[in-house]
Amino acid sequence: SRFGTGTVKRAATETVVDKATGKSTEILKKRRITVTTKSLYVRVQKKIHSVSQKKYQSNYGSRDHSLAVYNMIKSLIEDHCINDKEITPLQSEQLARSCFQAFYDFWQVMERPGYNTEKFREALDAYAQVLEAARPEMPDADVETVVSLLESIQACGGGYLLHERSEMDNSVYYTTGNGKTDRWARDVLKGN
């Protein structure tokens, strides 16, 4: 390199031979980004603390903050836990749990957590999918940790009706089907 800082790095490639022509070409390798529980925890934490941004400071903007947090938790669980087939169900559960642990640790920072609660329940339903897949491999200590975490979230956010399901709630049909307050986590984890 010009400034003596080392050699120029070349992109990782692999050689692919076309069977029809016998011609070889080099293509870029797809880079696999590993996600850790800490990185998901920090992403949710930062999104919750983004309430201080200017876009969330107006009356209507503050309502959108909870929606952004809930959508982020749901999309992180779907992208990195449900749709990623390269990790085990137990790893998926740990990643998803870190999202809800961050929510529990920092939920009091949120201005209006009671808005768009159906998105929170959709995130819970995504977590339920992960739990169903991981349950056969989960040690009992992890089961108790998850149940304790979800019951703590329910106790803290109970005044905001985060766990109340109405009959109009789209996610209600994926868990209980009856529109009442449910303790699906304990039922899923205990196998009832």
C-alpha atoms as a PDB file:
ATOM      1  CA  SER A   1       0.000   0.000   0.000  1.00  0.00           C
ATOM      2  CA  ARG A   2       1.032   3.553  -0.568  1.00  0.00           C
ATOM      3  CA  PHE A   3       1.321   4.556   3.097  1.00  0.00           C
ATOM      4  CA  GLY A   4       3.007   1.392   4.327  1.00  0.00           C
ATOM      5  CA  THR A   5       0.053   0.219   6.382  1.00  0.00           C
ATOM      6  CA  GLY A   6       0.114  -3.312   4.992  1.00  0.00           C
ATOM      7  CA  THR A   7      -1.031  -5.131   1.949  1.00  0.00           C
ATOM      8  CA  VAL A   8      -4.273  -4.490   0.188  1.00  0.00           C
ATOM      9  CA  LYS A   9      -6.815  -7.131   1.170  1.00  0.00           C
ATOM     10  CA  ARG A  10      -8.447  -9.110  -1.584  1.00  0.00           C
ATOM     11  CA  ALA A  11     -12.094 -10.122  -1.392  1.00  0.00           C
ATOM     12  CA  ALA A  12     -12.720 -13.769  -0.556  1.00  0.00           C
ATOM     13  CA  THR A  13     -13.546 -15.641  -3.729  1.00  0.00           C
ATOM     14  CA  GLU A  14     -14.119 -19.178  -4.807  1.00  0.00           C
ATOM     15  CA  THR A  15     -13.594 -20.796  -8.178  1.00  0.00           C
ATOM     16  CA  VAL A  16     -16.645 -22.287  -9.859  1.00  0.00           C
ATOM     17  CA  VAL A  17     -16.353 -24.463 -12.946  1.00  0.00           C
ATOM     18  CA  ASP A  18     -19.176 -24.334 -15.470  1.00  0.00           C
ATOM     19  CA  LYS A  19     -19.999 -27.963 -16.310  1.00  0.00           C
ATOM     20  CA  ALA A  20     -21.287 -27.210 -19.779  1.00  0.00           C
ATOM     21  CA  THR A  21     -18.280 -25.254 -21.049  1.00  0.00           C
ATOM     22  CA  GLY A  22     -15.579 -26.321 -18.602  1.00  0.00           C
ATOM     23  CA  LYS A  23     -14.744 -22.672 -18.033  1.00  0.00           C
ATOM     24  CA  SER A  24     -13.787 -21.582 -14.509  1.00  0.00           C
ATOM     25  CA  THR A  25     -14.871 -18.283 -13.008  1.00  0.00           C
ATOM     26  CA  GLU A  26     -14.238 -16.697  -9.672  1.00  0.00           C
ATOM     27  CA  ILE A  27     -17.201 -15.462  -7.661  1.00  0.00           C
ATOM     28  CA  LEU A  28     -17.338 -13.624  -4.350  1.00  0.00           C
ATOM     29  CA  LYS A  29     -18.032 -15.764  -1.308  1.00  0.00           C
ATOM     30  CA  LYS A  30     -21.065 -14.843   0.715  1.00  0.00           C
ATOM     31  CA  ARG A  31     -20.049 -13.456   4.046  1.00  0.00           C
ATOM     32  CA  ARG A  32     -21.698 -15.057   7.058  1.00  0.00           C
ATOM     33  CA  ILE A  33     -22.358 -12.570   9.828  1.00  0.00           C
ATOM     34  CA  THR A  34     -22.572 -14.232  13.209  1.00  0.00           C
ATOM     35  CA  VAL A  35     -25.050 -12.753  15.606  1.00  0.00           C
ATOM     36  CA  THR A  36     -24.513 -13.001  19.346  1.00  0.00           C
ATOM     37  CA  THR A  37     -26.898 -12.627  22.244  1.00  0.00           C
ATOM     38  CA  LYS A  38     -24.991  -9.520  23.290  1.00  0.00           C
ATOM     39  CA  SER A  39     -25.372  -7.877  19.871  1.00  0.00           C
ATOM     40  CA  LEU A  40     -29.154  -8.413  19.848  1.00  0.00           C
ATOM     41  CA  TYR A  41     -29.401  -7.202  23.447  1.00  0.00           C
ATOM     42  CA  VAL A  42     -27.488  -4.026  22.553  1.00  0.00           C
ATOM     43  CA  ARG A  43     -29.592  -3.403  19.433  1.00  0.00           C
ATOM     44  CA  VAL A  44     -32.834  -3.573  21.417  1.00  0.00           C
ATOM     45  CA  GLN A  45     -31.307  -1.422  24.161  1.00  0.00           C
ATOM     46  CA  LYS A  46     -30.282   1.250  21.642  1.00  0.00           C
ATOM     47  CA  LYS A  47     -33.711   1.221  20.014  1.00  0.00           C
ATOM     48  CA  ILE A  48     -35.389   1.719  23.396  1.00  0.00           C
ATOM     49  CA  HIS A  49     -33.001   4.549  24.258  1.00  0.00           C
ATOM     50  CA  SER A  50     -33.696   6.175  20.874  1.00  0.00           C
ATOM     51  CA  VAL A  51     -36.757   7.719  22.523  1.00  0.00           C
ATOM     52  CA  SER A  52     -34.591  10.805  23.073  1.00  0.00           C
ATOM     53  CA  GLN A  53     -34.299  11.388  19.309  1.00  0.00           C
ATOM     54  CA  LYS A  54     -36.096  14.367  17.872  1.00  0.00           C
ATOM     55  CA  LYS A  55     -38.507  12.284  15.780  1.00  0.00           C
ATOM     56  CA  TYR A  56     -39.984  10.761  18.956  1.00  0.00           C
ATOM     57  CA  GLN A  57     -40.372  14.049  20.833  1.00  0.00           C
ATOM     58  CA  SER A  58     -43.721  15.162  19.433  1.00  0.00           C
ATOM     59  CA  ASN A  59     -47.100  13.916  20.632  1.00  0.00           C
ATOM     60  CA  TYR A  60     -47.550  11.626  17.634  1.00  0.00           C
ATOM     61  CA  GLY A  61     -43.882  10.717  17.373  1.00  0.00           C
ATOM     62  CA  SER A  62     -43.786   9.388  20.921  1.00  0.00           C
ATOM     63  CA  ARG A  63     -46.571   6.968  19.986  1.00  0.00           C
ATOM     64  CA  ASP A  64     -44.417   5.553  17.190  1.00  0.00           C
ATOM     65  CA  HIS A  65     -41.503   4.714  19.479  1.00  0.00           C
ATOM     66  CA  SER A  66     -43.162   1.667  21.033  1.00  0.00           C
ATOM     67  CA  LEU A  67     -44.141   0.451  17.562  1.00  0.00           C
ATOM     68  CA  ALA A  68     -40.524   0.748  16.411  1.00  0.00           C
ATOM     69  CA  VAL A  69     -39.267  -1.181  19.451  1.00  0.00           C
ATOM     70  CA  TYR A  70     -41.859  -3.948  19.140  1.00  0.00           C
ATOM     71  CA  ASN A  71     -41.313  -4.286  15.383  1.00  0.00           C
ATOM     72  CA  MET A  72     -37.567  -4.487  15.915  1.00  0.00           C
ATOM     73  CA  ILE A  73     -37.888  -7.258  18.498  1.00  0.00           C
ATOM     74  CA  LYS A  74     -40.213  -9.182  16.190  1.00  0.00           C
ATOM     75  CA  SER A  75     -37.996  -8.766  13.129  1.00  0.00           C
ATOM     76  CA  LEU A  76     -34.838  -9.726  15.045  1.00  0.00           C
ATOM     77  CA  ILE A  77     -36.494 -12.915  16.257  1.00  0.00           C
ATOM     78  CA  GLU A  78     -37.839 -13.750  12.813  1.00  0.00           C
ATOM     79  CA  ASP A  79     -34.602 -12.979  10.947  1.00  0.00           C
ATOM     80  CA  HIS A  80     -32.045 -14.432  13.334  1.00  0.00           C
ATOM     81  CA  CYS A  81     -33.995 -17.148  15.135  1.00  0.00           C
ATOM     82  CA  ILE A  82     -36.843 -18.465  13.010  1.00  0.00           C
ATOM     83  CA  ASN A  83     -35.577 -18.015   9.441  1.00  0.00           C
ATOM     84  CA  ASP A  84     -31.906 -18.784  10.103  1.00  0.00           C
ATOM     85  CA  LYS A  85     -31.580 -22.518   9.525  1.00  0.00           C
ATOM     86  CA  GLU A  86     -27.838 -22.635  10.290  1.00  0.00           C
ATOM     87  CA  ILE A  87     -28.218 -22.373  14.068  1.00  0.00           C
ATOM     88  CA  THR A  88     -29.686 -24.849  16.500  1.00  0.00           C
ATOM     89  CA  PRO A  89     -33.075 -24.327  18.161  1.00  0.00           C
ATOM     90  CA  LEU A  90     -31.331 -23.849  21.515  1.00  0.00           C
ATOM     91  CA  GLN A  91     -29.131 -21.086  20.100  1.00  0.00           C
ATOM     92  CA  SER A  92     -32.229 -19.509  18.551  1.00  0.00           C
ATOM     93  CA  GLU A  93     -33.943 -19.496  21.934  1.00  0.00           C
ATOM     94  CA  GLN A  94     -30.975 -17.821  23.599  1.00  0.00           C
ATOM     95  CA  LEU A  95     -30.880 -15.120  20.916  1.00  0.00           C
ATOM     96  CA  ALA A  96     -34.612 -14.481  21.212  1.00  0.00           C
ATOM     97  CA  ARG A  97     -34.423 -14.442  25.006  1.00  0.00           C
ATOM     98  CA  SER A  98     -31.739 -11.730  24.862  1.00  0.00           C
ATOM     99  CA  CYS A  99     -34.197  -9.463  22.999  1.00  0.00           C
ATOM    100  CA  PHE A 100     -36.821  -9.842  25.703  1.00  0.00           C
ATOM    101  CA  GLN A 101     -34.220  -9.515  28.456  1.00  0.00           C
ATOM    102  CA  ALA A 102     -33.185  -6.157  26.996  1.00  0.00           C
ATOM    103  CA  PHE A 103     -36.840  -5.123  26.806  1.00  0.00           C
ATOM    104  CA  TYR A 104     -37.356  -6.062  30.446  1.00  0.00           C
ATOM    105  CA  ASP A 105     -34.179  -4.294  31.573  1.00  0.00           C
ATOM    106  CA  PHE A 106     -34.986  -1.007  29.804  1.00  0.00           C
ATOM    107  CA  TRP A 107     -38.754  -0.879  29.295  1.00  0.00           C
ATOM    108  CA  GLN A 108     -39.134   1.911  31.874  1.00  0.00           C
ATOM    109  CA  VAL A 109     -37.241   4.238  29.499  1.00  0.00           C
ATOM    110  CA  MET A 110     -40.045   4.005  26.938  1.00  0.00           C
ATOM    111  CA  GLU A 111     -42.436   6.962  26.861  1.00  0.00           C
ATOM    112  CA  ARG A 112     -45.647   5.223  25.772  1.00  0.00           C
ATOM    113  CA  PRO A 113     -45.300   1.441  25.927  1.00  0.00           C
ATOM    114  CA  GLY A 114     -49.077   0.997  25.802  1.00  0.00           C
ATOM    115  CA  TYR A 115     -49.347   1.992  22.130  1.00  0.00           C
ATOM    116  CA  ASN A 116     -49.337  -0.673  19.404  1.00  0.00           C
ATOM    117  CA  THR A 117     -49.355  -3.516  21.906  1.00  0.00           C
ATOM    118  CA  GLU A 118     -50.553  -5.967  19.261  1.00  0.00           C
ATOM    119  CA  LYS A 119     -47.042  -5.755  17.784  1.00  0.00           C
ATOM    120  CA  PHE A 120     -45.602  -6.738  21.164  1.00  0.00           C
ATOM    121  CA  ARG A 121     -47.878  -9.754  21.230  1.00  0.00           C
ATOM    122  CA  GLU A 122     -46.769 -10.657  17.700  1.00  0.00           C
ATOM    123  CA  ALA A 123     -43.183 -10.587  18.967  1.00  0.00           C
ATOM    124  CA  LEU A 124     -44.268 -12.862  21.844  1.00  0.00           C
ATOM    125  CA  ASP A 125     -45.866 -15.206  19.343  1.00  0.00           C
ATOM    126  CA  ALA A 126     -42.634 -15.315  17.326  1.00  0.00           C
ATOM    127  CA  TYR A 127     -40.819 -16.174  20.548  1.00  0.00           C
ATOM    128  CA  ALA A 128     -43.394 -18.901  21.183  1.00  0.00           C
ATOM    129  CA  GLN A 129     -42.443 -20.485  17.836  1.00  0.00           C
ATOM    130  CA  VAL A 130     -38.799 -20.478  18.895  1.00  0.00           C
ATOM    131  CA  LEU A 131     -39.679 -21.950  22.295  1.00  0.00           C
ATOM    132  CA  GLU A 132     -41.718 -24.758  20.752  1.00  0.00           C
ATOM    133  CA  ALA A 133     -38.755 -25.781  18.600  1.00  0.00           C
ATOM    134  CA  ALA A 134     -36.199 -25.461  21.414  1.00  0.00           C
ATOM    135  CA  ARG A 135     -38.204 -27.009  24.269  1.00  0.00           C
ATOM    136  CA  PRO A 136     -37.021 -30.628  23.820  1.00  0.00           C
ATOM    137  CA  GLU A 137     -33.390 -29.502  24.145  1.00  0.00           C
ATOM    138  CA  MET A 138     -33.816 -26.916  26.909  1.00  0.00           C
ATOM    139  CA  PRO A 139     -32.473 -27.706  30.386  1.00  0.00           C
ATOM    140  CA  ASP A 140     -34.922 -27.179  33.250  1.00  0.00           C
ATOM    141  CA  ALA A 141     -32.902 -24.231  34.547  1.00  0.00           C
ATOM    142  CA  ASP A 142     -33.357 -22.413  31.233  1.00  0.00           C
ATOM    143  CA  VAL A 143     -37.071 -23.167  31.259  1.00  0.00           C
ATOM    144  CA  GLU A 144     -37.406 -21.582  34.700  1.00  0.00           C
ATOM    145  CA  THR A 145     -35.342 -18.580  33.561  1.00  0.00           C
ATOM    146  CA  VAL A 146     -37.605 -18.008  30.551  1.00  0.00           C
ATOM    147  CA  VAL A 147     -40.786 -18.397  32.575  1.00  0.00           C
ATOM    148  CA  SER A 148     -39.442 -16.007  35.216  1.00  0.00           C
ATOM    149  CA  LEU A 149     -38.447 -13.454  32.566  1.00  0.00           C
ATOM    150  CA  LEU A 150     -41.829 -13.543  30.831  1.00  0.00           C
ATOM    151  CA  GLU A 151     -43.756 -13.361  34.100  1.00  0.00           C
ATOM    152  CA  SER A 152     -41.589 -10.390  35.133  1.00  0.00           C
ATOM    153  CA  ILE A 153     -42.394  -8.647  31.850  1.00  0.00           C
ATOM    154  CA  GLN A 154     -46.062  -9.344  32.426  1.00  0.00           C
ATOM    155  CA  ALA A 155     -45.884  -7.951  35.974  1.00  0.00           C
ATOM    156  CA  CYS A 156     -44.042  -4.784  34.920  1.00  0.00           C
ATOM    157  CA  GLY A 157     -46.062  -4.084  31.799  1.00  0.00           C
ATOM    158  CA  GLY A 158     -49.398  -5.239  33.174  1.00  0.00           C
ATOM    159  CA  GLY A 159     -50.691  -1.693  33.552  1.00  0.00           C
ATOM    160  CA  TYR A 160     -50.161  -1.136  29.825  1.00  0.00           C
ATOM    161  CA  LEU A 161     -52.144  -4.230  28.823  1.00  0.00           C
ATOM    162  CA  LEU A 162     -49.175  -5.694  26.980  1.00  0.00           C
ATOM    163  CA  HIS A 163     -50.495  -9.212  27.498  1.00  0.00           C
ATOM    164  CA  GLU A 164     -54.213  -8.516  27.101  1.00  0.00           C
ATOM    165  CA  ARG A 165     -55.611  -9.951  23.929  1.00  0.00           C
ATOM    166  CA  SER A 166     -58.755  -8.647  22.332  1.00  0.00           C
ATOM    167  CA  GLU A 167     -60.785 -10.538  19.782  1.00  0.00           C
ATOM    168  CA  MET A 168     -59.601  -8.058  17.162  1.00  0.00           C
ATOM    169  CA  ASP A 169     -55.966  -8.939  17.866  1.00  0.00           C
ATOM    170  CA  ASN A 170     -54.456 -10.676  14.830  1.00  0.00           C
ATOM    171  CA  SER A 171     -51.977 -12.656  16.895  1.00  0.00           C
ATOM    172  CA  VAL A 172     -54.612 -14.108  19.213  1.00  0.00           C
ATOM    173  CA  TYR A 173     -55.431 -16.937  16.851  1.00  0.00           C
ATOM    174  CA  TYR A 174     -51.862 -18.205  16.855  1.00  0.00           C
ATOM    175  CA  THR A 175     -51.753 -18.825  20.581  1.00  0.00           C
ATOM    176  CA  THR A 176     -55.039 -19.172  22.414  1.00  0.00           C
ATOM    177  CA  GLY A 177     -57.798 -18.450  19.964  1.00  0.00           C
ATOM    178  CA  ASN A 178     -60.032 -17.130  22.723  1.00  0.00           C
ATOM    179  CA  GLY A 179     -58.978 -13.514  23.200  1.00  0.00           C
ATOM    180  CA  LYS A 180     -58.397 -13.730  26.938  1.00  0.00           C
ATOM    181  CA  THR A 181     -55.261 -13.101  28.940  1.00  0.00           C
ATOM    182  CA  ASP A 182     -53.138 -16.177  28.551  1.00  0.00           C
ATOM    183  CA  ARG A 183     -50.034 -17.644  30.086  1.00  0.00           C
ATOM    184  CA  TRP A 184     -48.875 -19.320  26.902  1.00  0.00           C
ATOM    185  CA  ALA A 185     -45.222 -19.314  27.905  1.00  0.00           C
ATOM    186  CA  ARG A 186     -45.770 -21.616  30.854  1.00  0.00           C
ATOM    187  CA  ASP A 187     -48.055 -23.847  28.763  1.00  0.00           C
ATOM    188  CA  VAL A 188     -45.583 -24.076  25.879  1.00  0.00           C
ATOM    189  CA  LEU A 189     -42.616 -24.691  28.132  1.00  0.00           C
ATOM    190  CA  LYS A 190     -44.271 -27.176  30.468  1.00  0.00           C
ATOM    191  CA  GLY A 191     -45.870 -29.066  27.589  1.00  0.00           C
ATOM    192  CA  ASN A 192     -49.484 -28.605  28.777  1.00  0.00           C
END
